[in-house]
Amino acid sequence: MENRDTPLYQMVLSNREKVKINGVTAVESFDEKEVIASSKMGPLVVQGEGLHITQLNLEEELLSIEGLVNSLEFVEDKQAKLKATGKGILARLFR
């Protein structure tokens, strides 16, 4: 049963071309292939092709992205993700 005091965070994906996300507190980085944002539900990575931010309103915690969306992923820890994929600088130096 849902608690009425708990805010509802939504992510709406339309035809893999548009995504609207609320609860976004910051955008850490973005380019045509990846958008990394901080949200109230944790760090979020959106990957795809031709991505561009069409709306960012941090007061309303709203982010809208257009382009071909290939994946939406919540990550627990960016450093842990880098270590797991072997992209960390120490992993490359000590191979």
Protein backbone atom coordinates (compact mmCIF):
# COMPACT_ATOMS: atom_id res chain seq x y z
CA MET A 1 0.00 0.00 0.00
CA GLU A 2 1.33 3.42 -0.96
CA ASN A 3 2.03 6.03 1.69
CA ARG A 4 0.49 9.38 0.70
CA ASP A 5 3.40 11.25 2.32
CA THR A 6 5.91 9.60 -0.02
CA PRO A 7 6.38 11.61 -3.23
CA LEU A 8 5.80 9.84 -6.53
CA TYR A 9 8.70 9.94 -9.00
CA GLN A 10 8.00 9.10 -12.61
CA MET A 11 9.94 8.30 -15.72
CA VAL A 12 7.93 8.34 -18.97
CA LEU A 13 9.50 6.91 -22.13
CA SER A 14 7.65 7.54 -25.40
CA ASN A 15 8.57 5.45 -28.47
CA ARG A 16 12.22 5.32 -27.36
CA GLU A 17 12.48 8.93 -28.61
CA LYS A 18 11.47 11.08 -25.63
CA VAL A 19 11.91 10.57 -21.91
CA LYS A 20 10.55 12.78 -19.13
CA ILE A 21 11.92 12.26 -15.63
CA ASN A 22 10.91 14.01 -12.43
CA GLY A 23 12.85 14.01 -9.18
CA VAL A 24 16.06 15.14 -10.94
CA THR A 25 18.28 17.28 -8.71
CA ALA A 26 21.27 17.84 -11.06
CA VAL A 27 22.76 16.89 -14.41
CA GLU A 28 26.35 15.76 -13.91
CA SER A 29 27.33 15.42 -17.59
CA PHE A 30 25.80 15.01 -21.01
CA ASP A 31 26.67 14.47 -24.64
CA GLU A 32 24.96 12.92 -27.67
CA LYS A 33 25.47 9.38 -26.35
CA GLU A 34 25.00 9.66 -22.58
CA VAL A 35 23.27 11.81 -19.96
CA ILE A 36 24.23 11.33 -16.30
CA ALA A 37 21.86 12.88 -13.78
CA SER A 38 21.41 12.83 -10.02
CA SER A 39 17.88 12.06 -8.88
CA LYS A 40 16.10 11.48 -5.62
CA MET A 41 16.09 7.76 -6.48
CA GLY A 42 19.87 7.68 -7.10
CA PRO A 43 22.25 8.39 -9.98
CA LEU A 44 20.66 7.82 -13.40
CA VAL A 45 22.42 7.08 -16.69
CA VAL A 46 20.54 7.48 -19.98
CA GLN A 47 22.36 6.09 -23.01
CA GLY A 48 21.44 6.37 -26.67
CA GLU A 49 22.14 8.20 -29.91
CA GLY A 50 21.56 11.84 -30.76
CA LEU A 51 20.49 12.66 -27.20
CA HIS A 52 19.80 16.25 -26.29
CA ILE A 53 18.21 17.87 -23.28
CA THR A 54 15.03 19.68 -24.25
CA GLN A 55 14.02 20.80 -20.77
CA LEU A 56 15.82 21.07 -17.45
CA ASN A 57 14.01 22.71 -14.56
CA LEU A 58 15.76 22.02 -11.27
CA GLU A 59 13.20 23.98 -9.26
CA GLU A 60 10.48 21.57 -10.44
CA GLU A 61 13.01 18.68 -10.61
CA LEU A 62 12.08 17.93 -14.24
CA LEU A 63 14.35 16.65 -17.04
CA SER A 64 13.27 15.98 -20.63
CA ILE A 65 15.53 14.28 -23.17
CA GLU A 66 14.98 13.60 -26.87
CA GLY A 67 16.86 11.22 -29.15
CA LEU A 68 17.07 7.45 -29.59
CA VAL A 69 17.10 5.99 -26.06
CA ASN A 70 18.91 2.64 -25.76
CA SER A 71 19.01 2.28 -21.97
CA LEU A 72 17.95 3.84 -18.68
CA GLU A 73 19.94 2.68 -15.67
CA PHE A 74 20.02 3.61 -12.01
CA VAL A 75 23.54 3.09 -10.65
CA GLU A 76 24.39 2.80 -6.99
CA ASP A 77 27.92 4.16 -7.19
CA LYS A 78 29.65 5.58 -10.25
CA GLN A 79 33.09 4.52 -8.99
CA ALA A 80 31.87 0.94 -8.47
CA LYS A 81 30.51 0.96 -12.03
CA LEU A 82 33.85 2.14 -13.42
CA LYS A 83 35.74 -0.54 -11.49
CA ALA A 84 33.35 -3.26 -12.64
CA THR A 85 33.81 -2.31 -16.29
CA GLY A 86 37.58 -1.95 -15.92
CA LYS A 87 37.59 1.70 -16.98
CA GLY A 88 39.16 2.96 -13.77
CA ILE A 89 42.65 4.41 -14.15
CA LEU A 90 44.13 2.03 -11.55
CA ALA A 91 42.67 -0.97 -13.34
CA ARG A 92 44.39 0.12 -16.55
CA LEU A 93 47.73 0.90 -14.88
CA PHE A 94 48.06 -2.38 -12.96
CA ARG A 95 47.05 -4.87 -15.64
